[in-house]
C-alpha atoms as a PDB file:
ATOM      1  CA  MET A   1     -13.474 -58.282   9.596  1.00  0.00           C
ATOM      2  CA  MET A   2     -10.364 -60.332  11.330  1.00  0.00           C
ATOM      3  CA  LEU A   3     -10.932 -63.905  11.533  1.00  0.00           C
ATOM      4  CA  THR A   4      -9.041 -66.042  13.760  1.00  0.00           C
ATOM      5  CA  GLY A   5      -5.955 -66.806  12.210  1.00  0.00           C
ATOM      6  CA  GLY A   6      -4.965 -63.174  11.613  1.00  0.00           C
ATOM      7  CA  TYR A   7      -6.375 -63.571   7.999  1.00  0.00           C
ATOM      8  CA  GLN A   8      -8.049 -60.480   6.882  1.00  0.00           C
ATOM      9  CA  ARG A   9     -11.084 -61.070   4.779  1.00  0.00           C
ATOM     10  CA  GLN A  10     -11.256 -58.081   2.076  1.00  0.00           C
ATOM     11  CA  MET A  11     -14.499 -56.607   0.764  1.00  0.00           C
ATOM     12  CA  PRO A  12     -15.925 -57.421  -2.770  1.00  0.00           C
ATOM     13  CA  ILE A  13     -15.785 -54.654  -5.367  1.00  0.00           C
ATOM     14  CA  THR A  14     -18.769 -53.630  -5.479  1.00  0.00           C
ATOM     15  CA  GLN A  15     -18.607 -52.613  -1.847  1.00  0.00           C
ATOM     16  CA  GLN A  16     -15.037 -51.235  -2.413  1.00  0.00           C
ATOM     17  CA  ALA A  17     -16.217 -49.249  -5.537  1.00  0.00           C
ATOM     18  CA  GLY A  18     -19.497 -48.159  -2.687  1.00  0.00           C
ATOM     19  CA  ARG A  19     -17.142 -46.455  -0.643  1.00  0.00           C
ATOM     20  CA  THR A  20     -14.457 -44.956  -2.963  1.00  0.00           C
ATOM     21  CA  LYS A  21     -17.652 -43.430  -4.749  1.00  0.00           C
ATOM     22  CA  MET A  22     -19.078 -42.026  -0.995  1.00  0.00           C
ATOM     23  CA  THR A  23     -15.733 -40.677  -0.015  1.00  0.00           C
ATOM     24  CA  LYS A  24     -14.901 -38.934  -2.958  1.00  0.00           C
ATOM     25  CA  GLN A  25     -18.766 -37.057  -2.700  1.00  0.00           C
ATOM     26  CA  ILE A  26     -17.834 -36.631   1.129  1.00  0.00           C
ATOM     27  CA  LEU A  27     -14.888 -34.785   0.065  1.00  0.00           C
ATOM     28  CA  ILE A  28     -16.766 -32.819  -2.591  1.00  0.00           C
ATOM     29  CA  LEU A  29     -19.394 -31.619  -0.328  1.00  0.00           C
ATOM     30  CA  THR A  30     -16.544 -30.796   2.610  1.00  0.00           C
ATOM     31  CA  ALA A  31     -14.717 -29.145  -0.140  1.00  0.00           C
ATOM     32  CA  ALA A  32     -17.915 -27.203  -1.392  1.00  0.00           C
ATOM     33  CA  GLY A  33     -18.655 -26.066   2.439  1.00  0.00           C
ATOM     34  CA  LEU A  34     -15.566 -24.599   3.221  1.00  0.00           C
ATOM     35  CA  LEU A  35     -15.705 -22.719   0.032  1.00  0.00           C
ATOM     36  CA  LEU A  36     -18.960 -21.303   1.048  1.00  0.00           C
ATOM     37  CA  ILE A  37     -17.762 -20.637   4.195  1.00  0.00           C
ATOM     38  CA  CYS A  38     -14.646 -18.628   2.827  1.00  0.00           C
ATOM     39  CA  ALA A  39     -16.895 -16.766   0.463  1.00  0.00           C
ATOM     40  CA  GLY A  40     -18.826 -15.522   3.689  1.00  0.00           C
ATOM     41  CA  CYS A  41     -15.904 -14.270   5.247  1.00  0.00           C
ATOM     42  CA  LYS A  42     -15.200 -11.408   3.048  1.00  0.00           C
ATOM     43  CA  THR A  43     -14.205  -8.196   4.820  1.00  0.00           C
ATOM     44  CA  GLU A  44     -14.574  -4.773   3.211  1.00  0.00           C
ATOM     45  CA  HIS A  45     -13.262  -1.107   4.295  1.00  0.00           C
ATOM     46  CA  ARG A  46     -14.136   1.657   2.843  1.00  0.00           C
ATOM     47  CA  ILE A  47     -13.127   5.125   4.207  1.00  0.00           C
ATOM     48  CA  GLU A  48     -14.632   8.325   3.182  1.00  0.00           C
ATOM     49  CA  VAL A  49     -12.696  11.658   2.965  1.00  0.00           C
ATOM     50  CA  ALA A  50     -14.308  14.802   2.850  1.00  0.00           C
ATOM     51  CA  PRO A  51     -12.838  17.389   0.023  1.00  0.00           C
ATOM     52  CA  MET A  52     -10.716  20.289   1.276  1.00  0.00           C
ATOM     53  CA  GLU A  53     -10.674  23.803   0.267  1.00  0.00           C
ATOM     54  CA  VAL A  54      -7.501  24.984   0.276  1.00  0.00           C
ATOM     55  CA  ASN A  55      -6.663  28.785  -0.742  1.00  0.00           C
ATOM     56  CA  LEU A  56      -3.057  29.400  -1.431  1.00  0.00           C
ATOM     57  CA  ASN A  57      -1.754  33.283  -1.478  1.00  0.00           C
ATOM     58  CA  VAL A  58       1.356  33.916  -3.368  1.00  0.00           C
ATOM     59  CA  ASN A  59       1.242  38.005  -3.083  1.00  0.00           C
ATOM     60  CA  ILE A  60       3.185  37.871   0.544  1.00  0.00           C
ATOM     61  CA  ASN A  61       6.449  35.677  -1.722  1.00  0.00           C
ATOM     62  CA  VAL A  62       6.088  38.412  -4.439  1.00  0.00           C
ATOM     63  CA  LYS A  63       6.110  41.647  -1.919  1.00  0.00           C
ATOM     64  CA  VAL A  64       9.102  40.117   0.427  1.00  0.00           C
ATOM     65  CA  ASP A  65      11.207  39.525  -2.869  1.00  0.00           C
ATOM     66  CA  ARG A  66      10.341  43.183  -4.196  1.00  0.00           C
ATOM     67  CA  ALA A  67      11.312  44.271  -0.855  1.00  0.00           C
ATOM     68  CA  LEU A  68      14.472  42.342  -1.122  1.00  0.00           C
ATOM     69  CA  ASP A  69      14.943  43.308  -4.293  1.00  0.00           C
ATOM     70  CA  ASP A  70      14.763  46.803  -3.278  1.00  0.00           C
ATOM     71  CA  PHE A  71      17.168  46.650  -0.105  1.00  0.00           C
ATOM     72  CA  PHE A  72      19.851  44.935  -2.578  1.00  0.00           C
ATOM     73  CA  GLY A  73      19.337  47.380  -5.460  1.00  0.00           C
ATOM     74  CA  ASP A  74      19.782  50.061  -3.159  1.00  0.00           C
ATOM     75  CA  LEU A  75      23.411  48.517  -2.055  1.00  0.00           C
ATOM     76  CA  ASP A  76      24.464  47.469  -5.439  1.00  0.00           C
ATOM     77  CA  LYS A  77      23.742  51.201  -6.460  1.00  0.00           C
ATOM     78  CA  MET A  78      25.989  52.746  -3.634  1.00  0.00           C
ATOM     79  CA  GLU A  79      28.882  50.619  -4.758  1.00  0.00           C
ATOM     80  CA  GLU A  80      28.433  51.909  -8.031  1.00  0.00           C
ATOM     81  CA  THR A  81      28.559  55.727  -6.995  1.00  0.00           C
ATOM     82  CA  GLN A  82      31.366  54.964  -4.416  1.00  0.00           C
ATOM     83  CA  PRO A  83      35.231  54.872  -6.209  1.00  0.00           C
ATOM     84  CA  SER A  84      36.717  51.434  -5.510  1.00  0.00           C
ATOM     85  CA  THR A  85      39.419  51.595  -3.409  1.00  0.00           C
ATOM     86  CA  PRO A  86      42.285  49.097  -4.091  1.00  0.00           C
ATOM     87  CA  THR A  87      42.384  45.967  -1.629  1.00  0.00           C
ATOM     88  CA  PRO A  88      45.716  46.021   0.050  1.00  0.00           C
ATOM     89  CA  SER A  89      47.415  42.560  -1.418  1.00  0.00           C
ATOM     90  CA  LYS A  90      49.575  40.085   1.370  1.00  0.00           C
ATOM     91  CA  GLN A  91      53.580  39.446   0.568  1.00  0.00           C
END
């Protein structure tokens, strides 16, 4: 309260204690309310993926590998049967 001389009268100690107690209670209730509101805003995402079946065929690679071996094997045999010719050297 303000009196006429610019002098402000202080509250009695019992009223001050009551106000701080009420302020603490309001603060605690507000914090608890905010905590409950935040706990209610939980989001969760789940993604379900169906299993896929994968078949792998390796026989194609083996067939190609054997065909290449046969082809280059034939070339190697041809080199072995032909006489080696000396290569001319550059001077």
